[in-house]
N, C-alpha and C. Protein backbone atom coordinates (compact mmCIF):
# COMPACT_ATOMS: atom_id res chain seq x y z
N MET A 1 -18.25 -18.37 -4.74
CA MET A 1 -19.04 -17.75 -5.78
C MET A 1 -19.92 -16.68 -5.16
N PRO A 2 -19.92 -15.46 -5.71
CA PRO A 2 -20.72 -14.40 -5.12
C PRO A 2 -22.21 -14.68 -5.27
N LEU A 3 -22.94 -14.25 -4.28
CA LEU A 3 -24.38 -14.42 -4.31
C LEU A 3 -25.00 -13.29 -5.11
N LYS A 4 -26.00 -13.60 -5.89
CA LYS A 4 -26.73 -12.59 -6.64
C LYS A 4 -28.06 -12.36 -5.95
N ARG A 5 -28.32 -11.13 -5.68
CA ARG A 5 -29.63 -10.81 -5.11
C ARG A 5 -30.59 -10.56 -6.27
N SER A 6 -31.66 -11.28 -6.28
CA SER A 6 -32.59 -11.15 -7.40
C SER A 6 -33.29 -9.80 -7.42
N ASN A 7 -33.40 -9.16 -6.26
CA ASN A 7 -34.08 -7.87 -6.22
C ASN A 7 -33.11 -6.70 -6.36
N ALA A 8 -31.82 -6.98 -6.54
CA ALA A 8 -30.84 -5.91 -6.70
C ALA A 8 -30.95 -5.32 -8.09
N ARG A 9 -30.97 -4.02 -8.17
CA ARG A 9 -31.09 -3.32 -9.44
C ARG A 9 -29.69 -2.98 -9.95
N GLN A 10 -29.46 -3.24 -11.21
CA GLN A 10 -28.19 -2.92 -11.83
C GLN A 10 -28.10 -1.41 -12.06
N PRO A 11 -26.90 -0.82 -11.91
CA PRO A 11 -26.78 0.62 -12.17
C PRO A 11 -27.10 0.94 -13.63
N ARG A 12 -27.71 2.05 -13.84
CA ARG A 12 -28.06 2.52 -15.17
C ARG A 12 -27.35 3.84 -15.43
N ALA A 13 -27.25 4.22 -16.69
CA ALA A 13 -26.60 5.48 -17.05
C ALA A 13 -27.29 6.66 -16.37
N SER A 14 -28.59 6.53 -16.11
CA SER A 14 -29.32 7.63 -15.46
C SER A 14 -28.92 7.80 -14.00
N ASP A 15 -28.20 6.82 -13.43
CA ASP A 15 -27.74 6.93 -12.04
C ASP A 15 -26.52 7.84 -11.92
N PHE A 16 -25.88 8.16 -13.03
CA PHE A 16 -24.68 8.97 -13.02
C PHE A 16 -24.99 10.40 -13.40
N THR A 17 -24.18 11.33 -12.87
CA THR A 17 -24.34 12.73 -13.24
C THR A 17 -23.75 12.93 -14.64
N PRO A 18 -24.12 14.00 -15.32
CA PRO A 18 -23.54 14.26 -16.64
C PRO A 18 -22.00 14.36 -16.59
N ASP A 19 -21.44 14.95 -15.52
CA ASP A 19 -19.98 15.05 -15.41
C ASP A 19 -19.35 13.67 -15.26
N GLU A 20 -19.99 12.80 -14.49
CA GLU A 20 -19.47 11.44 -14.33
C GLU A 20 -19.51 10.69 -15.65
N LEU A 21 -20.57 10.86 -16.41
CA LEU A 21 -20.66 10.20 -17.72
C LEU A 21 -19.61 10.75 -18.68
N LYS A 22 -19.34 12.07 -18.62
CA LYS A 22 -18.30 12.65 -19.46
C LYS A 22 -16.94 12.05 -19.11
N SER A 23 -16.68 11.93 -17.83
CA SER A 23 -15.40 11.34 -17.39
C SER A 23 -15.30 9.89 -17.82
N LEU A 24 -16.40 9.16 -17.69
CA LEU A 24 -16.41 7.76 -18.10
C LEU A 24 -16.18 7.65 -19.60
N ASP A 25 -16.86 8.46 -20.37
CA ASP A 25 -16.69 8.43 -21.83
C ASP A 25 -15.26 8.82 -22.23
N ALA A 26 -14.67 9.78 -21.51
CA ALA A 26 -13.29 10.18 -21.79
C ALA A 26 -12.34 9.03 -21.50
N TRP A 27 -12.60 8.29 -20.41
CA TRP A 27 -11.76 7.13 -20.09
C TRP A 27 -11.90 6.06 -21.17
N ILE A 28 -13.12 5.85 -21.63
CA ILE A 28 -13.37 4.85 -22.68
C ILE A 28 -12.58 5.22 -23.94
N GLU A 29 -12.51 6.51 -24.26
CA GLU A 29 -11.79 6.96 -25.46
C GLU A 29 -10.29 6.67 -25.36
N THR A 30 -9.76 6.56 -24.14
CA THR A 30 -8.33 6.29 -23.99
C THR A 30 -8.00 4.81 -24.13
N GLN A 31 -9.02 3.97 -24.17
CA GLN A 31 -8.81 2.52 -24.22
C GLN A 31 -8.55 2.07 -25.66
N PRO A 32 -7.73 1.03 -25.83
CA PRO A 32 -7.46 0.55 -27.19
C PRO A 32 -8.69 -0.11 -27.80
N ALA A 33 -8.70 -0.16 -29.11
CA ALA A 33 -9.82 -0.79 -29.82
C ALA A 33 -9.77 -2.29 -29.60
N PRO A 34 -10.84 -2.97 -29.51
CA PRO A 34 -12.21 -2.46 -29.47
C PRO A 34 -12.51 -1.85 -28.10
N ARG A 35 -13.04 -0.64 -28.13
CA ARG A 35 -13.32 0.08 -26.89
C ARG A 35 -14.48 -0.57 -26.14
N PRO A 36 -14.42 -0.53 -24.81
CA PRO A 36 -15.50 -1.14 -24.04
C PRO A 36 -16.77 -0.30 -24.07
N THR A 37 -17.88 -0.95 -23.85
CA THR A 37 -19.13 -0.22 -23.68
C THR A 37 -19.09 0.45 -22.32
N ARG A 38 -20.06 1.29 -22.03
CA ARG A 38 -20.11 1.92 -20.71
C ARG A 38 -20.19 0.86 -19.61
N ARG A 39 -21.02 -0.14 -19.84
CA ARG A 39 -21.18 -1.20 -18.84
C ARG A 39 -19.86 -1.92 -18.59
N GLU A 40 -19.16 -2.29 -19.68
CA GLU A 40 -17.87 -2.97 -19.55
C GLU A 40 -16.84 -2.05 -18.89
N ALA A 41 -16.88 -0.76 -19.24
CA ALA A 41 -15.94 0.20 -18.66
C ALA A 41 -16.15 0.31 -17.14
N ILE A 42 -17.39 0.37 -16.73
CA ILE A 42 -17.69 0.45 -15.30
C ILE A 42 -17.19 -0.80 -14.58
N LEU A 43 -17.42 -1.96 -15.18
CA LEU A 43 -16.94 -3.21 -14.57
C LEU A 43 -15.42 -3.22 -14.45
N ARG A 44 -14.72 -2.79 -15.51
CA ARG A 44 -13.25 -2.75 -15.47
C ARG A 44 -12.76 -1.81 -14.38
N LEU A 45 -13.37 -0.63 -14.31
CA LEU A 45 -12.93 0.36 -13.32
C LEU A 45 -13.19 -0.12 -11.90
N VAL A 46 -14.31 -0.79 -11.69
CA VAL A 46 -14.60 -1.32 -10.36
C VAL A 46 -13.58 -2.40 -10.00
N LYS A 47 -13.27 -3.28 -10.95
CA LYS A 47 -12.27 -4.33 -10.69
C LYS A 47 -10.91 -3.73 -10.37
N GLN A 48 -10.51 -2.69 -11.11
CA GLN A 48 -9.23 -2.03 -10.86
C GLN A 48 -9.23 -1.40 -9.46
N ALA A 49 -10.32 -0.75 -9.10
CA ALA A 49 -10.40 -0.11 -7.79
C ALA A 49 -10.33 -1.15 -6.68
N LEU A 50 -11.03 -2.26 -6.86
CA LEU A 50 -11.01 -3.31 -5.83
C LEU A 50 -9.65 -3.97 -5.73
N ALA A 51 -8.97 -4.14 -6.85
CA ALA A 51 -7.63 -4.74 -6.83
C ALA A 51 -6.66 -3.85 -6.08
N GLY A 52 -6.81 -2.54 -6.24
CA GLY A 52 -5.94 -1.59 -5.54
C GLY A 52 -6.29 -1.44 -4.08
N ALA A 53 -7.48 -1.87 -3.69
CA ALA A 53 -7.94 -1.69 -2.32
C ALA A 53 -7.62 -2.88 -1.44
N GLN A 54 -6.95 -3.89 -1.99
CA GLN A 54 -6.64 -5.07 -1.20
C GLN A 54 -5.63 -4.70 -0.12
N PRO A 55 -5.79 -5.24 1.07
CA PRO A 55 -4.83 -4.91 2.13
C PRO A 55 -3.45 -5.46 1.80
N LYS A 56 -2.46 -4.70 2.15
CA LYS A 56 -1.09 -5.13 1.89
C LYS A 56 -0.72 -6.23 2.87
N GLN A 57 0.04 -7.18 2.35
CA GLN A 57 0.48 -8.27 3.20
C GLN A 57 1.61 -7.79 4.10
N LYS A 58 1.63 -8.30 5.30
CA LYS A 58 2.70 -7.99 6.23
C LYS A 58 3.98 -8.65 5.69
N PRO A 59 5.09 -7.91 5.70
CA PRO A 59 6.32 -8.51 5.18
C PRO A 59 6.72 -9.73 6.01
N SER A 60 7.32 -10.69 5.36
CA SER A 60 7.75 -11.90 6.06
C SER A 60 8.89 -11.55 7.01
N LYS A 61 9.13 -12.43 7.97
CA LYS A 61 10.23 -12.20 8.92
C LYS A 61 11.56 -12.17 8.18
N ARG A 62 11.66 -12.99 7.14
CA ARG A 62 12.90 -13.04 6.36
C ARG A 62 13.12 -11.70 5.64
N ALA A 63 12.06 -11.15 5.04
CA ALA A 63 12.18 -9.87 4.34
C ALA A 63 12.50 -8.75 5.33
N ALA A 64 11.87 -8.77 6.51
CA ALA A 64 12.14 -7.75 7.52
C ALA A 64 13.59 -7.84 7.99
N SER A 65 14.08 -9.06 8.17
CA SER A 65 15.45 -9.26 8.60
C SER A 65 16.44 -8.75 7.55
N LYS A 66 16.13 -9.03 6.29
CA LYS A 66 16.99 -8.58 5.21
C LYS A 66 17.01 -7.05 5.14
N ALA A 67 15.86 -6.43 5.34
CA ALA A 67 15.78 -4.97 5.31
C ALA A 67 16.59 -4.37 6.46
N ARG A 68 16.50 -5.00 7.64
CA ARG A 68 17.29 -4.53 8.79
C ARG A 68 18.79 -4.63 8.51
N ASP A 69 19.20 -5.76 7.93
CA ASP A 69 20.61 -5.95 7.60
C ASP A 69 21.09 -4.91 6.58
N MET A 70 20.27 -4.65 5.59
CA MET A 70 20.64 -3.66 4.58
C MET A 70 20.75 -2.27 5.21
N ALA A 71 19.83 -1.95 6.11
CA ALA A 71 19.88 -0.65 6.79
C ALA A 71 21.15 -0.54 7.63
N ARG A 72 21.50 -1.60 8.33
CA ARG A 72 22.71 -1.58 9.16
C ARG A 72 23.96 -1.40 8.31
N GLN A 73 24.00 -2.09 7.17
CA GLN A 73 25.16 -1.95 6.28
C GLN A 73 25.29 -0.52 5.77
N GLU A 74 24.17 0.07 5.41
CA GLU A 74 24.20 1.45 4.91
C GLU A 74 24.62 2.41 6.02
N LEU A 75 24.13 2.18 7.23
CA LEU A 75 24.52 3.03 8.36
C LEU A 75 26.01 2.88 8.65
N ASP A 76 26.54 1.66 8.51
CA ASP A 76 27.99 1.46 8.68
C ASP A 76 28.76 2.26 7.64
N ARG A 77 28.26 2.25 6.43
CA ARG A 77 28.94 2.96 5.34
C ARG A 77 28.93 4.47 5.56
N LEU A 78 27.80 4.99 6.07
CA LEU A 78 27.64 6.43 6.25
C LEU A 78 28.10 6.92 7.63
N GLY A 79 28.39 6.00 8.53
CA GLY A 79 28.69 6.36 9.91
C GLY A 79 29.94 7.20 10.08
N ASP A 80 29.96 7.91 11.20
CA ASP A 80 31.09 8.76 11.56
C ASP A 80 32.18 7.88 12.18
N VAL A 81 33.26 7.64 11.46
CA VAL A 81 34.31 6.74 11.94
C VAL A 81 35.12 7.36 13.06
N SER A 82 34.97 8.66 13.31
CA SER A 82 35.71 9.30 14.40
C SER A 82 35.10 8.97 15.77
N LEU A 83 33.87 8.45 15.77
CA LEU A 83 33.22 8.09 17.04
C LEU A 83 33.70 6.73 17.50
N PRO A 84 33.68 6.50 18.82
CA PRO A 84 34.00 5.17 19.31
C PRO A 84 32.99 4.14 18.79
N ALA A 85 33.44 2.89 18.66
CA ALA A 85 32.59 1.83 18.11
C ALA A 85 31.31 1.67 18.92
N GLU A 86 31.39 1.79 20.25
CA GLU A 86 30.22 1.64 21.10
C GLU A 86 29.16 2.72 20.80
N GLU A 87 29.61 3.94 20.59
CA GLU A 87 28.68 5.04 20.29
C GLU A 87 28.07 4.85 18.90
N ARG A 88 28.87 4.38 17.93
CA ARG A 88 28.33 4.11 16.60
C ARG A 88 27.25 3.04 16.67
N GLU A 89 27.49 1.97 17.44
CA GLU A 89 26.50 0.90 17.59
C GLU A 89 25.23 1.41 18.26
N ARG A 90 25.37 2.27 19.27
CA ARG A 90 24.20 2.83 19.96
C ARG A 90 23.36 3.65 18.99
N ARG A 91 24.02 4.48 18.20
CA ARG A 91 23.30 5.31 17.23
C ARG A 91 22.63 4.45 16.15
N LYS A 92 23.36 3.44 15.69
CA LYS A 92 22.80 2.56 14.66
C LYS A 92 21.57 1.84 15.20
N ARG A 93 21.65 1.35 16.44
CA ARG A 93 20.52 0.65 17.06
C ARG A 93 19.32 1.59 17.19
N ARG A 94 19.59 2.85 17.58
CA ARG A 94 18.51 3.83 17.73
C ARG A 94 17.84 4.12 16.38
N LEU A 95 18.65 4.20 15.32
CA LEU A 95 18.09 4.46 14.00
C LEU A 95 17.30 3.28 13.46
N THR A 96 17.79 2.06 13.68
CA THR A 96 17.08 0.91 13.13
C THR A 96 15.85 0.53 13.95
N LYS A 97 15.87 0.77 15.24
CA LYS A 97 14.70 0.47 16.07
C LYS A 97 13.72 1.63 16.11
N GLY A 98 14.22 2.84 15.94
CA GLY A 98 13.38 4.02 16.05
C GLY A 98 13.43 4.56 17.46
N PRO A 99 13.12 5.84 17.63
CA PRO A 99 13.14 6.45 18.96
C PRO A 99 12.14 5.76 19.89
N SER A 100 12.51 5.63 21.15
CA SER A 100 11.65 4.91 22.10
C SER A 100 10.29 5.56 22.24
N GLU A 101 10.21 6.87 22.11
CA GLU A 101 8.91 7.54 22.25
C GLU A 101 7.95 7.16 21.13
N PHE A 102 8.47 6.68 19.99
CA PHE A 102 7.61 6.27 18.89
C PHE A 102 7.38 4.76 18.87
N ARG A 103 8.28 4.00 19.47
CA ARG A 103 8.14 2.54 19.45
C ARG A 103 6.84 2.08 20.07
N ASP A 104 6.38 2.78 21.12
CA ASP A 104 5.14 2.40 21.78
C ASP A 104 3.94 2.57 20.86
N MET A 105 4.05 3.47 19.89
CA MET A 105 2.93 3.76 19.00
C MET A 105 2.86 2.80 17.82
N ARG A 106 3.93 2.09 17.51
CA ARG A 106 3.98 1.24 16.33
C ARG A 106 3.14 0.00 16.52
N ALA A 107 2.24 -0.22 15.58
CA ALA A 107 1.35 -1.38 15.65
C ALA A 107 2.03 -2.64 15.13
N ASP A 108 3.12 -2.50 14.36
CA ASP A 108 3.76 -3.67 13.77
C ASP A 108 4.76 -4.35 14.73
N LEU A 109 5.01 -3.73 15.87
CA LEU A 109 5.92 -4.32 16.84
C LEU A 109 5.14 -5.00 17.97
N PRO A 110 5.66 -6.09 18.50
CA PRO A 110 4.97 -6.72 19.63
C PRO A 110 5.03 -5.81 20.85
N LYS A 111 4.01 -5.86 21.67
CA LYS A 111 3.95 -5.05 22.88
C LYS A 111 4.94 -5.60 23.90
N PRO A 112 5.64 -4.70 24.64
CA PRO A 112 6.57 -5.20 25.65
C PRO A 112 5.84 -5.91 26.77
N LYS A 113 6.48 -6.95 27.30
CA LYS A 113 5.88 -7.70 28.40
C LYS A 113 6.13 -6.95 29.70
N ASP A 114 5.09 -6.81 30.49
CA ASP A 114 5.22 -6.08 31.77
C ASP A 114 5.79 -6.93 32.85
């Protein structure tokens, strides 16, 4: 449960610029009836902003594996069949892993053991 600070002052309409109030009122007009008050509109907009600001979850190992498999299948479909199988596999591996010069920069990959 969030803590309430007793000395915290609630925002008032006078805290906003006239342009901000115009934008807020325009947003309120787009809402279905019964339209929210300014206070309710501010609360809704803050909740929407906070919901969008949540950090994205790291994909599961299963989802990452499935994505890799799908990428490999697509590369097989688009691959140059005139190349030897070994060269096709090398190119596919390079595309799915990424160029070595960029692999060191990726934060989502484990660091190589020295």
